[in-house]
Amino acid sequence: MQNGQPNNTHPLPHSAHGMGTLMVRFVGLLTVAVVLMTLIWNS
């Protein structure tokens, strides 16, 4: 039982970290796209 708990808690932070990186990349790309669109619309 004590062996199962650390195994269960280890992958969760890892996958959460991976999801965070994915979200940061997605939001970053979205921001860049919005900025480019705004610049194109304004020019």
Protein backbone atom coordinates (compact mmCIF):
# COMPACT_ATOMS: atom_id res chain seq x y z
CA MET A 1 0.00 0.00 0.00
CA GLN A 2 2.81 2.43 0.89
CA ASN A 3 4.47 1.59 -2.43
CA GLY A 4 1.31 2.30 -4.44
CA GLN A 5 0.77 5.83 -3.11
CA PRO A 6 4.09 7.36 -4.29
CA ASN A 7 3.57 5.71 -7.69
CA ASN A 8 0.13 7.31 -7.89
CA THR A 9 1.24 10.81 -6.87
CA HIS A 10 4.32 10.93 -9.12
CA PRO A 11 2.68 10.85 -12.58
CA LEU A 12 0.01 13.42 -11.62
CA PRO A 13 2.34 16.43 -11.12
CA HIS A 14 4.29 15.32 -14.20
CA SER A 15 1.21 15.27 -16.45
CA ALA A 16 -0.04 18.51 -14.87
CA HIS A 17 3.31 20.12 -15.70
CA GLY A 18 3.06 18.87 -19.28
CA MET A 19 -0.46 20.26 -19.56
CA GLY A 20 0.73 23.60 -18.18
CA THR A 21 3.48 23.79 -20.79
CA LEU A 22 0.98 22.92 -23.51
CA MET A 23 -1.42 25.61 -22.29
CA VAL A 24 1.36 28.22 -22.11
CA ARG A 25 2.38 27.41 -25.69
CA PHE A 26 -1.24 27.51 -26.87
CA VAL A 27 -1.93 30.84 -25.13
CA GLY A 28 1.36 32.25 -26.46
CA LEU A 29 0.52 31.27 -30.03
CA LEU A 30 -2.98 32.68 -29.62
CA THR A 31 -1.59 35.97 -28.31
CA VAL A 32 0.85 36.22 -31.22
CA ALA A 33 -1.94 35.50 -33.69
CA VAL A 34 -4.19 38.15 -32.11
CA VAL A 35 -1.38 40.73 -32.15
CA LEU A 36 -0.62 39.99 -35.81
CA MET A 37 -4.31 40.25 -36.73
CA THR A 38 -4.59 43.57 -34.87
CA LEU A 39 -1.51 44.95 -36.65
CA ILE A 40 -2.87 43.83 -40.04
CA TRP A 41 -6.31 45.33 -39.30
CA ASN A 42 -4.83 48.64 -38.13
CA SER A 43 -2.43 49.07 -41.05
